[in-house]
Amino acid sequence: MLDRSLTPLLGGSGLPTWLREILVSAAVAARTIAVFAAAVAFGILVAIKIGEGNPWVAAAAAAALLLFVVLPVRLWWSIGNWR
């Protein structure tokens, strides 16, 4: 299934369907990896500044960022596109 944000970019390009699906899947995977990398970097910074290098503080900060910032923003963005 094509992501709506990528449909205009790949819709009229004349690419075969299988290649278009691979490109969309790679773009979604890259976006997901980028979000997790940002959460891990945030967790490391919090652990250095607050937790004195404790990995549990880093994990908790990364999980908190994903659950309380990224997930609500993503859900809000998705619901806004449905209407």
C-alpha atoms as a PDB file:
ATOM      1  CA  MET A   1       0.000   0.000   0.000  1.00  0.00           C
ATOM      2  CA  LEU A   2       1.437   3.377  -1.011  1.00  0.00           C
ATOM      3  CA  ASP A   3       1.950   6.088   1.564  1.00  0.00           C
ATOM      4  CA  ARG A   4      -0.105   9.162   0.645  1.00  0.00           C
ATOM      5  CA  SER A   5       2.839  11.509   1.032  1.00  0.00           C
ATOM      6  CA  LEU A   6       4.845   9.542  -1.543  1.00  0.00           C
ATOM      7  CA  THR A   7       2.074   8.971  -4.077  1.00  0.00           C
ATOM      8  CA  PRO A   8       2.518  12.290  -5.938  1.00  0.00           C
ATOM      9  CA  LEU A   9       6.246  11.690  -6.188  1.00  0.00           C
ATOM     10  CA  LEU A  10       5.990   8.209  -7.643  1.00  0.00           C
ATOM     11  CA  GLY A  11       2.478   8.143  -9.091  1.00  0.00           C
ATOM     12  CA  GLY A  12       3.069   9.330 -12.644  1.00  0.00           C
ATOM     13  CA  SER A  13       6.663   8.279 -13.026  1.00  0.00           C
ATOM     14  CA  GLY A  14       6.042   5.271 -15.236  1.00  0.00           C
ATOM     15  CA  LEU A  15       7.878   2.944 -12.859  1.00  0.00           C
ATOM     16  CA  PRO A  16       6.807  -0.662 -12.632  1.00  0.00           C
ATOM     17  CA  THR A  17       4.571  -1.377  -9.652  1.00  0.00           C
ATOM     18  CA  TRP A  18       7.085  -3.666  -7.965  1.00  0.00           C
ATOM     19  CA  LEU A  19       9.843  -1.046  -8.160  1.00  0.00           C
ATOM     20  CA  ARG A  20       7.527   1.668  -6.881  1.00  0.00           C
ATOM     21  CA  GLU A  21       6.547  -0.533  -3.910  1.00  0.00           C
ATOM     22  CA  ILE A  22      10.215  -1.225  -3.112  1.00  0.00           C
ATOM     23  CA  LEU A  23      11.020   2.502  -3.178  1.00  0.00           C
ATOM     24  CA  VAL A  24       8.067   3.349  -0.939  1.00  0.00           C
ATOM     25  CA  SER A  25       9.023   0.585   1.495  1.00  0.00           C
ATOM     26  CA  ALA A  26      12.605   1.834   1.607  1.00  0.00           C
ATOM     27  CA  ALA A  27      11.399   5.391   2.280  1.00  0.00           C
ATOM     28  CA  VAL A  28       9.147   4.249   5.125  1.00  0.00           C
ATOM     29  CA  ALA A  29      11.979   2.164   6.601  1.00  0.00           C
ATOM     30  CA  ALA A  30      14.376   5.113   6.379  1.00  0.00           C
ATOM     31  CA  ARG A  31      11.883   7.387   8.126  1.00  0.00           C
ATOM     32  CA  THR A  32      11.349   4.820  10.886  1.00  0.00           C
ATOM     33  CA  ILE A  33      15.081   4.317  11.410  1.00  0.00           C
ATOM     34  CA  ALA A  34      15.598   8.086  11.528  1.00  0.00           C
ATOM     35  CA  VAL A  35      12.963   8.469  14.251  1.00  0.00           C
ATOM     36  CA  PHE A  36      14.486   5.683  16.344  1.00  0.00           C
ATOM     37  CA  ALA A  37      17.980   7.111  15.853  1.00  0.00           C
ATOM     38  CA  ALA A  38      16.769  10.501  17.083  1.00  0.00           C
ATOM     39  CA  ALA A  39      15.157   8.858  20.126  1.00  0.00           C
ATOM     40  CA  VAL A  40      18.352   6.966  20.946  1.00  0.00           C
ATOM     41  CA  ALA A  41      20.431  10.129  20.565  1.00  0.00           C
ATOM     42  CA  PHE A  42      18.032  11.963  22.871  1.00  0.00           C
ATOM     43  CA  GLY A  43      18.283   9.121  25.399  1.00  0.00           C
ATOM     44  CA  ILE A  44      22.082   9.248  25.321  1.00  0.00           C
ATOM     45  CA  LEU A  45      22.092  13.014  25.832  1.00  0.00           C
ATOM     46  CA  VAL A  46      19.710  12.724  28.781  1.00  0.00           C
ATOM     47  CA  ALA A  47      21.796   9.941  30.295  1.00  0.00           C
ATOM     48  CA  ILE A  48      24.953  12.035  30.007  1.00  0.00           C
ATOM     49  CA  LYS A  49      23.394  15.209  31.407  1.00  0.00           C
ATOM     50  CA  ILE A  50      21.061  13.826  34.086  1.00  0.00           C
ATOM     51  CA  GLY A  51      21.736  10.160  34.692  1.00  0.00           C
ATOM     52  CA  GLU A  52      25.525  10.146  34.876  1.00  0.00           C
ATOM     53  CA  GLY A  53      25.780   7.698  31.985  1.00  0.00           C
ATOM     54  CA  ASN A  54      23.239   5.209  33.315  1.00  0.00           C
ATOM     55  CA  PRO A  55      21.879   3.133  30.400  1.00  0.00           C
ATOM     56  CA  TRP A  56      18.498   2.688  32.124  1.00  0.00           C
ATOM     57  CA  VAL A  57      18.004   6.450  32.128  1.00  0.00           C
ATOM     58  CA  ALA A  58      18.873   6.526  28.427  1.00  0.00           C
ATOM     59  CA  ALA A  59      16.395   3.746  27.668  1.00  0.00           C
ATOM     60  CA  ALA A  60      13.665   5.420  29.705  1.00  0.00           C
ATOM     61  CA  ALA A  61      14.252   8.791  28.015  1.00  0.00           C
ATOM     62  CA  ALA A  62      14.217   7.235  24.543  1.00  0.00           C
ATOM     63  CA  ALA A  63      11.029   5.288  25.302  1.00  0.00           C
ATOM     64  CA  ALA A  64       9.411   8.409  26.773  1.00  0.00           C
ATOM     65  CA  LEU A  65      10.269  10.412  23.657  1.00  0.00           C
ATOM     66  CA  LEU A  66       8.797   7.734  21.403  1.00  0.00           C
ATOM     67  CA  LEU A  67       5.643   7.235  23.486  1.00  0.00           C
ATOM     68  CA  PHE A  68       4.844  10.786  24.512  1.00  0.00           C
ATOM     69  CA  VAL A  69       6.102  12.840  21.564  1.00  0.00           C
ATOM     70  CA  VAL A  70       6.545  10.784  18.392  1.00  0.00           C
ATOM     71  CA  LEU A  71       3.504   8.519  18.716  1.00  0.00           C
ATOM     72  CA  PRO A  72       0.962  11.274  19.476  1.00  0.00           C
ATOM     73  CA  VAL A  73       2.342  13.495  16.706  1.00  0.00           C
ATOM     74  CA  ARG A  74       2.224  10.606  14.233  1.00  0.00           C
ATOM     75  CA  LEU A  75      -1.321   9.700  15.248  1.00  0.00           C
ATOM     76  CA  TRP A  76      -2.412  13.338  15.024  1.00  0.00           C
ATOM     77  CA  TRP A  77      -0.815  13.610  11.583  1.00  0.00           C
ATOM     78  CA  SER A  78      -2.516  10.403  10.389  1.00  0.00           C
ATOM     79  CA  ILE A  79      -5.938  11.407  11.702  1.00  0.00           C
ATOM     80  CA  GLY A  80      -5.573  14.821  10.075  1.00  0.00           C
ATOM     81  CA  ASN A  81      -4.901  13.157   6.696  1.00  0.00           C
ATOM     82  CA  TRP A  82      -7.949  10.877   6.965  1.00  0.00           C
ATOM     83  CA  ARG A  83     -10.423  13.763   7.032  1.00  0.00           C
END
